[in-house]
């Protein structure tokens, strides 16, 4: 089973890249008010992210926590 931190990171990357303008990691970090190097660690699954920081990132991606976690990668232990 994949680590939850890795799943969160992959989901952030997928949502970021799905943006019509292809939101860069640096721009997302700026909008979410998160250090760019910390954002790198989150996206690669090497850093644990608090709910507060995750909420800021998710908001910067124009979604909410419920929609963020309502993805097949978070279901059934996948």
PDB file of N, CA and C in Angstrom:
ATOM      1  N   UNK A   1       0.838  -1.189   0.000  1.00  0.00           N
ATOM      2  CA  UNK A   1       0.000   0.000   0.000  1.00  0.00           C
ATOM      3  C   UNK A   1       0.877   1.246   0.000  1.00  0.00           C
ATOM      4  N   UNK A   2       0.520   2.192  -0.822  1.00  0.00           N
ATOM      5  CA  UNK A   2       1.279   3.426  -0.945  1.00  0.00           C
ATOM      6  C   UNK A   2       1.060   4.323   0.278  1.00  0.00           C
ATOM      7  N   UNK A   3       2.103   4.977   0.713  1.00  0.00           N
ATOM      8  CA  UNK A   3       2.062   5.901   1.834  1.00  0.00           C
ATOM      9  C   UNK A   3       1.108   7.059   1.536  1.00  0.00           C
ATOM     10  N   UNK A   4       0.360   7.497   2.545  1.00  0.00           N
ATOM     11  CA  UNK A   4      -0.608   8.586   2.384  1.00  0.00           C
ATOM     12  C   UNK A   4       0.078   9.876   1.934  1.00  0.00           C
ATOM     13  N   UNK A   5       1.292  10.132   2.409  1.00  0.00           N
ATOM     14  CA  UNK A   5       2.011  11.346   1.998  1.00  0.00           C
ATOM     15  C   UNK A   5       2.301  11.332   0.500  1.00  0.00           C
ATOM     16  N   UNK A   6       2.657  10.165  -0.023  1.00  0.00           N
ATOM     17  CA  UNK A   6       2.912  10.037  -1.458  1.00  0.00           C
ATOM     18  C   UNK A   6       1.627  10.230  -2.252  1.00  0.00           C
ATOM     19  N   UNK A   7       0.521   9.699  -1.744  1.00  0.00           N
ATOM     20  CA  UNK A   7      -0.764   9.867  -2.425  1.00  0.00           C
ATOM     21  C   UNK A   7      -1.176  11.332  -2.469  1.00  0.00           C
ATOM     22  N   UNK A   8      -0.997  12.015  -1.346  1.00  0.00           N
ATOM     23  CA  UNK A   8      -1.331  13.439  -1.285  1.00  0.00           C
ATOM     24  C   UNK A   8      -0.470  14.217  -2.271  1.00  0.00           C
ATOM     25  N   UNK A   9       0.803  13.930  -2.288  1.00  0.00           N
ATOM     26  CA  UNK A   9       1.708  14.612  -3.210  1.00  0.00           C
ATOM     27  C   UNK A   9       1.328  14.396  -4.660  1.00  0.00           C
ATOM     28  N   UNK A  10       1.022  13.163  -5.019  1.00  0.00           N
ATOM     29  CA  UNK A  10       0.625  12.850  -6.400  1.00  0.00           C
ATOM     30  C   UNK A  10      -0.673  13.547  -6.770  1.00  0.00           C
ATOM     31  N   UNK A  11      -1.589  13.627  -5.819  1.00  0.00           N
ATOM     32  CA  UNK A  11      -2.874  14.294  -6.087  1.00  0.00           C
ATOM     33  C   UNK A  11      -2.659  15.787  -6.307  1.00  0.00           C
ATOM     34  N   UNK A  12      -1.793  16.413  -5.518  1.00  0.00           N
ATOM     35  CA  UNK A  12      -1.489  17.837  -5.697  1.00  0.00           C
ATOM     36  C   UNK A  12      -0.880  18.062  -7.076  1.00  0.00           C
ATOM     37  N   UNK A  13       0.084  17.239  -7.455  1.00  0.00           N
ATOM     38  CA  UNK A  13       0.722  17.370  -8.768  1.00  0.00           C
ATOM     39  C   UNK A  13      -0.312  17.225  -9.880  1.00  0.00           C
ATOM     40  N   UNK A  14      -1.183  16.228  -9.765  1.00  0.00           N
ATOM     41  CA  UNK A  14      -2.196  16.000 -10.798  1.00  0.00           C
ATOM     42  C   UNK A  14      -3.124  17.205 -10.938  1.00  0.00           C
ATOM     43  N   UNK A  15      -3.584  17.745  -9.819  1.00  0.00           N
ATOM     44  CA  UNK A  15      -4.475  18.902  -9.870  1.00  0.00           C
ATOM     45  C   UNK A  15      -3.752  20.138 -10.395  1.00  0.00           C
ATOM     46  N   UNK A  16      -2.507  20.293  -9.993  1.00  0.00           N
ATOM     47  CA  UNK A  16      -1.716  21.449 -10.447  1.00  0.00           C
ATOM     48  C   UNK A  16      -1.504  21.401 -11.955  1.00  0.00           C
ATOM     49  N   UNK A  17      -1.152  20.236 -12.461  1.00  0.00           N
ATOM     50  CA  UNK A  17      -0.890  20.092 -13.895  1.00  0.00           C
ATOM     51  C   UNK A  17      -2.161  20.099 -14.733  1.00  0.00           C
ATOM     52  N   UNK A  18      -3.300  19.825 -14.109  1.00  0.00           N
ATOM     53  CA  UNK A  18      -4.576  19.821 -14.821  1.00  0.00           C
ATOM     54  C   UNK A  18      -5.107  21.229 -15.083  1.00  0.00           C
ATOM     55  N   UNK A  19      -4.502  22.199 -14.447  1.00  0.00           N
ATOM     56  CA  UNK A  19      -4.927  23.588 -14.657  1.00  0.00           C
ATOM     57  C   UNK A  19      -4.693  23.970 -16.114  1.00  0.00           C
ATOM     58  N   UNK A  20      -5.609  24.735 -16.709  1.00  0.00           N
ATOM     59  CA  UNK A  20      -5.474  25.111 -18.118  1.00  0.00           C
ATOM     60  C   UNK A  20      -4.142  25.786 -18.466  1.00  0.00           C
ATOM     61  N   UNK A  21      -3.600  26.536 -17.524  1.00  0.00           N
ATOM     62  CA  UNK A  21      -2.337  27.227 -17.783  1.00  0.00           C
ATOM     63  C   UNK A  21      -1.139  26.454 -17.259  1.00  0.00           C
ATOM     64  N   UNK A  22      -1.355  25.259 -16.737  1.00  0.00           N
ATOM     65  CA  UNK A  22      -0.256  24.459 -16.213  1.00  0.00           C
ATOM     66  C   UNK A  22       0.461  25.151 -15.072  1.00  0.00           C
ATOM     67  N   UNK A  23      -0.203  25.276 -13.962  1.00  0.00           N
ATOM     68  CA  UNK A  23       0.315  25.958 -12.782  1.00  0.00           C
ATOM     69  C   UNK A  23       1.655  25.364 -12.347  1.00  0.00           C
ATOM     70  N   UNK A  24       2.661  26.209 -12.222  1.00  0.00           N
ATOM     71  CA  UNK A  24       3.974  25.725 -11.795  1.00  0.00           C
ATOM     72  C   UNK A  24       3.974  25.474 -10.286  1.00  0.00           C
ATOM     73  N   UNK A  25       4.901  24.662  -9.864  1.00  0.00           N
ATOM     74  CA  UNK A  25       5.054  24.378  -8.441  1.00  0.00           C
ATOM     75  C   UNK A  25       5.368  25.664  -7.687  1.00  0.00           C
ATOM     76  N   UNK A  26       6.217  26.482  -8.262  1.00  0.00           N
ATOM     77  CA  UNK A  26       6.604  27.746  -7.634  1.00  0.00           C
ATOM     78  C   UNK A  26       5.398  28.680  -7.488  1.00  0.00           C
ATOM     79  N   UNK A  27       4.580  28.778  -8.520  1.00  0.00           N
ATOM     80  CA  UNK A  27       3.404  29.650  -8.481  1.00  0.00           C
ATOM     81  C   UNK A  27       2.386  29.123  -7.459  1.00  0.00           C
ATOM     82  N   UNK A  28       2.171  27.811  -7.425  1.00  0.00           N
ATOM     83  CA  UNK A  28       1.258  27.234  -6.438  1.00  0.00           C
ATOM     84  C   UNK A  28       1.752  27.529  -5.029  1.00  0.00           C
ATOM     85  N   UNK A  29       3.040  27.350  -4.789  1.00  0.00           N
ATOM     86  CA  UNK A  29       3.612  27.628  -3.470  1.00  0.00           C
ATOM     87  C   UNK A  29       3.379  29.086  -3.078  1.00  0.00           C
ATOM     88  N   UNK A  30       3.554  29.991  -4.041  1.00  0.00           N
ATOM     89  CA  UNK A  30       3.343  31.416  -3.781  1.00  0.00           C
ATOM     90  C   UNK A  30       1.884  31.701  -3.422  1.00  0.00           C
ATOM     91  N   UNK A  31       0.961  31.172  -4.223  1.00  0.00           N
ATOM     92  CA  UNK A  31      -0.467  31.404  -3.989  1.00  0.00           C
ATOM     93  C   UNK A  31      -0.901  30.827  -2.644  1.00  0.00           C
ATOM     94  N   UNK A  32      -0.378  29.649  -2.307  1.00  0.00           N
ATOM     95  CA  UNK A  32      -0.754  28.975  -1.056  1.00  0.00           C
ATOM     96  C   UNK A  32       0.022  29.500   0.144  1.00  0.00           C
ATOM     97  N   UNK A  33       0.979  30.380  -0.096  1.00  0.00           N
ATOM     98  CA  UNK A  33       1.831  30.930   0.965  1.00  0.00           C
ATOM     99  C   UNK A  33       2.603  29.820   1.689  1.00  0.00           C
ATOM    100  N   UNK A  34       3.232  28.962   0.868  1.00  0.00           N
ATOM    101  CA  UNK A  34       4.039  27.850   1.358  1.00  0.00           C
ATOM    102  C   UNK A  34       5.407  27.973   0.703  1.00  0.00           C
ATOM    103  N   UNK A  35       6.462  27.702   1.437  1.00  0.00           N
ATOM    104  CA  UNK A  35       7.800  27.753   0.865  1.00  0.00           C
ATOM    105  C   UNK A  35       7.924  26.769  -0.299  1.00  0.00           C
ATOM    106  N   UNK A  36       8.565  27.182  -1.373  1.00  0.00           N
ATOM    107  CA  UNK A  36       8.679  26.353  -2.566  1.00  0.00           C
ATOM    108  C   UNK A  36       9.392  25.034  -2.281  1.00  0.00           C
ATOM    109  N   UNK A  37      10.421  25.073  -1.448  1.00  0.00           N
ATOM    110  CA  UNK A  37      11.150  23.838  -1.142  1.00  0.00           C
ATOM    111  C   UNK A  37      10.287  22.885  -0.306  1.00  0.00           C
ATOM    112  N   UNK A  38       9.449  23.448   0.545  1.00  0.00           N
ATOM    113  CA  UNK A  38       8.513  22.629   1.318  1.00  0.00           C
ATOM    114  C   UNK A  38       7.489  21.998   0.380  1.00  0.00           C
ATOM    115  N   UNK A  39       7.027  22.777  -0.604  1.00  0.00           N
ATOM    116  CA  UNK A  39       6.071  22.272  -1.587  1.00  0.00           C
ATOM    117  C   UNK A  39       6.683  21.101  -2.358  1.00  0.00           C
ATOM    118  N   UNK A  40       7.953  21.195  -2.704  1.00  0.00           N
ATOM    119  CA  UNK A  40       8.640  20.099  -3.383  1.00  0.00           C
ATOM    120  C   UNK A  40       8.602  18.843  -2.528  1.00  0.00           C
ATOM    121  N   UNK A  41       8.892  18.982  -1.250  1.00  0.00           N
ATOM    122  CA  UNK A  41       8.865  17.850  -0.334  1.00  0.00           C
ATOM    123  C   UNK A  41       7.486  17.232  -0.201  1.00  0.00           C
ATOM    124  N   UNK A  42       6.463  18.076  -0.210  1.00  0.00           N
ATOM    125  CA  UNK A  42       5.089  17.585  -0.121  1.00  0.00           C
ATOM    126  C   UNK A  42       4.732  16.811  -1.388  1.00  0.00           C
ATOM    127  N   UNK A  43       5.037  17.398  -2.545  1.00  0.00           N
ATOM    128  CA  UNK A  43       4.681  16.758  -3.812  1.00  0.00           C
ATOM    129  C   UNK A  43       5.405  15.432  -4.026  1.00  0.00           C
ATOM    130  N   UNK A  44       6.592  15.309  -3.500  1.00  0.00           N
ATOM    131  CA  UNK A  44       7.340  14.059  -3.661  1.00  0.00           C
ATOM    132  C   UNK A  44       7.012  13.046  -2.570  1.00  0.00           C
ATOM    133  N   UNK A  45       6.213  13.447  -1.590  1.00  0.00           N
ATOM    134  CA  UNK A  45       5.830  12.545  -0.512  1.00  0.00           C
ATOM    135  C   UNK A  45       6.884  12.403   0.564  1.00  0.00           C
ATOM    136  N   UNK A  46       7.906  13.247   0.505  1.00  0.00           N
ATOM    137  CA  UNK A  46       8.995  13.175   1.489  1.00  0.00           C
ATOM    138  C   UNK A  46       8.703  13.993   2.742  1.00  0.00           C
ATOM    139  N   UNK A  47       7.718  14.884   2.656  1.00  0.00           N
ATOM    140  CA  UNK A  47       7.351  15.711   3.802  1.00  0.00           C
ATOM    141  C   UNK A  47       5.919  15.414   4.190  1.00  0.00           C
ATOM    142  N   UNK A  48       5.664  15.395   5.481  1.00  0.00           N
ATOM    143  CA  UNK A  48       4.301  15.274   5.994  1.00  0.00           C
ATOM    144  C   UNK A  48       3.689  16.666   5.953  1.00  0.00           C
ATOM    145  N   UNK A  49       2.436  16.730   5.627  1.00  0.00           N
ATOM    146  CA  UNK A  49       1.770  18.025   5.522  1.00  0.00           C
ATOM    147  C   UNK A  49       0.648  18.093   6.554  1.00  0.00           C
ATOM    148  N   UNK A  50       0.564  19.228   7.235  1.00  0.00           N
ATOM    149  CA  UNK A  50      -0.508  19.406   8.210  1.00  0.00           C
ATOM    150  C   UNK A  50      -1.817  19.699   7.476  1.00  0.00           C
ATOM    151  N   UNK A  51      -2.909  19.518   8.166  1.00  0.00           N
ATOM    152  CA  UNK A  51      -4.214  19.799   7.589  1.00  0.00           C
ATOM    153  C   UNK A  51      -4.322  21.286   7.238  1.00  0.00           C
ATOM    154  N   UNK A  52      -3.765  22.138   8.057  1.00  0.00           N
ATOM    155  CA  UNK A  52      -3.817  23.580   7.817  1.00  0.00           C
ATOM    156  C   UNK A  52      -3.107  23.925   6.511  1.00  0.00           C
ATOM    157  N   UNK A  53      -1.907  23.408   6.323  1.00  0.00           N
ATOM    158  CA  UNK A  53      -1.149  23.682   5.101  1.00  0.00           C
ATOM    159  C   UNK A  53      -1.835  23.037   3.899  1.00  0.00           C
ATOM    160  N   UNK A  54      -2.313  21.819   4.053  1.00  0.00           N
ATOM    161  CA  UNK A  54      -3.004  21.154   2.958  1.00  0.00           C
ATOM    162  C   UNK A  54      -4.240  21.948   2.547  1.00  0.00           C
ATOM    163  N   UNK A  55      -4.966  22.490   3.509  1.00  0.00           N
ATOM    164  CA  UNK A  55      -6.148  23.298   3.202  1.00  0.00           C
ATOM    165  C   UNK A  55      -5.758  24.534   2.386  1.00  0.00           C
ATOM    166  N   UNK A  56      -4.631  25.145   2.704  1.00  0.00           N
ATOM    167  CA  UNK A  56      -4.157  26.305   1.938  1.00  0.00           C
ATOM    168  C   UNK A  56      -3.801  25.909   0.508  1.00  0.00           C
ATOM    169  N   UNK A  57      -3.159  24.778   0.351  1.00  0.00           N
ATOM    170  CA  UNK A  57      -2.775  24.305  -0.984  1.00  0.00           C
ATOM    171  C   UNK A  57      -4.014  23.968  -1.800  1.00  0.00           C
ATOM    172  N   UNK A  58      -4.935  23.254  -1.177  1.00  0.00           N
ATOM    173  CA  UNK A  58      -6.164  22.853  -1.860  1.00  0.00           C
ATOM    174  C   UNK A  58      -6.971  24.080  -2.275  1.00  0.00           C
ATOM    175  N   UNK A  59      -7.033  25.072  -1.418  1.00  0.00           N
ATOM    176  CA  UNK A  59      -7.738  26.320  -1.754  1.00  0.00           C
ATOM    177  C   UNK A  59      -7.054  27.002  -2.933  1.00  0.00           C
ATOM    178  N   UNK A  60      -5.731  27.009  -2.943  1.00  0.00           N
ATOM    179  CA  UNK A  60      -4.981  27.610  -4.056  1.00  0.00           C
ATOM    180  C   UNK A  60      -5.227  26.862  -5.361  1.00  0.00           C
ATOM    181  N   UNK A  61      -5.620  25.601  -5.269  1.00  0.00           N
ATOM    182  CA  UNK A  61      -5.949  24.798  -6.449  1.00  0.00           C
ATOM    183  C   UNK A  61      -7.424  24.932  -6.835  1.00  0.00           C
ATOM    184  N   UNK A  62      -8.124  25.856  -6.179  1.00  0.00           N
ATOM    185  CA  UNK A  62      -9.543  26.133  -6.439  1.00  0.00           C
ATOM    186  C   UNK A  62     -10.446  24.925  -6.218  1.00  0.00           C
ATOM    187  N   UNK A  63     -10.194  24.210  -5.132  1.00  0.00           N
ATOM    188  CA  UNK A  63     -11.056  23.090  -4.763  1.00  0.00           C
ATOM    189  C   UNK A  63     -11.189  23.080  -3.244  1.00  0.00           C
ATOM    190  N   UNK A  64     -11.744  22.007  -2.692  1.00  0.00           N
ATOM    191  CA  UNK A  64     -11.855  21.904  -1.238  1.00  0.00           C
ATOM    192  C   UNK A  64     -11.353  20.532  -0.805  1.00  0.00           C
ATOM    193  N   UNK A  65     -11.209  20.349   0.483  1.00  0.00           N
ATOM    194  CA  UNK A  65     -10.651  19.101   1.000  1.00  0.00           C
ATOM    195  C   UNK A  65     -11.501  17.885   0.642  1.00  0.00           C
ATOM    196  N   UNK A  66     -12.814  18.035   0.672  1.00  0.00           N
ATOM    197  CA  UNK A  66     -13.685  16.905   0.332  1.00  0.00           C
ATOM    198  C   UNK A  66     -13.452  16.463  -1.108  1.00  0.00           C
ATOM    199  N   UNK A  67     -13.403  17.418  -2.024  1.00  0.00           N
ATOM    200  CA  UNK A  67     -13.159  17.085  -3.436  1.00  0.00           C
ATOM    201  C   UNK A  67     -11.749  16.544  -3.625  1.00  0.00           C
ATOM    202  N   UNK A  68     -10.798  17.091  -2.889  1.00  0.00           N
ATOM    203  CA  UNK A  68      -9.412  16.638  -2.995  1.00  0.00           C
ATOM    204  C   UNK A  68      -9.300  15.152  -2.652  1.00  0.00           C
ATOM    205  N   UNK A  69      -9.931  14.747  -1.554  1.00  0.00           N
ATOM    206  CA  UNK A  69      -9.847  13.355  -1.114  1.00  0.00           C
ATOM    207  C   UNK A  69     -10.869  12.442  -1.790  1.00  0.00           C
ATOM    208  N   UNK A  70     -11.783  13.023  -2.563  1.00  0.00           N
ATOM    209  CA  UNK A  70     -12.767  12.223  -3.286  1.00  0.00           C
ATOM    210  C   UNK A  70     -12.163  11.798  -4.628  1.00  0.00           C
ATOM    211  N   UNK A  71     -11.115  11.033  -4.539  1.00  0.00           N
ATOM    212  CA  UNK A  71     -10.378  10.548  -5.697  1.00  0.00           C
ATOM    213  C   UNK A  71     -10.121   9.065  -5.500  1.00  0.00           C
ATOM    214  N   UNK A  72     -10.131   8.313  -6.580  1.00  0.00           N
ATOM    215  CA  UNK A  72      -9.982   6.864  -6.454  1.00  0.00           C
ATOM    216  C   UNK A  72      -8.676   6.434  -5.787  1.00  0.00           C
ATOM    217  N   UNK A  73      -7.655   7.257  -5.852  1.00  0.00           N
ATOM    218  CA  UNK A  73      -6.383   6.884  -5.228  1.00  0.00           C
ATOM    219  C   UNK A  73      -6.474   6.811  -3.702  1.00  0.00           C
ATOM    220  N   UNK A  74      -7.489   7.440  -3.120  1.00  0.00           N
ATOM    221  CA  UNK A  74      -7.674   7.420  -1.674  1.00  0.00           C
ATOM    222  C   UNK A  74      -8.697   6.367  -1.224  1.00  0.00           C
ATOM    223  N   UNK A  75      -9.274   5.633  -2.169  1.00  0.00           N
ATOM    224  CA  UNK A  75     -10.297   4.641  -1.837  1.00  0.00           C
ATOM    225  C   UNK A  75      -9.742   3.228  -1.813  1.00  0.00           C
ATOM    226  N   UNK A  76     -10.337   2.411  -1.004  1.00  0.00           N
ATOM    227  CA  UNK A  76     -10.057   0.962  -0.972  1.00  0.00           C
ATOM    228  C   UNK A  76      -8.584   0.610  -0.793  1.00  0.00           C
ATOM    229  N   UNK A  77      -7.841   1.435  -0.103  1.00  0.00           N
ATOM    230  CA  UNK A  77      -6.438   1.117   0.157  1.00  0.00           C
ATOM    231  C   UNK A  77      -5.565   1.073  -1.067  1.00  0.00           C
ATOM    232  N   UNK A  78      -5.965   1.725  -2.143  1.00  0.00           N
ATOM    233  CA  UNK A  78      -5.193   1.726  -3.392  1.00  0.00           C
ATOM    234  C   UNK A  78      -3.972   2.600  -3.274  1.00  0.00           C
TER     235      UNK A  78
END
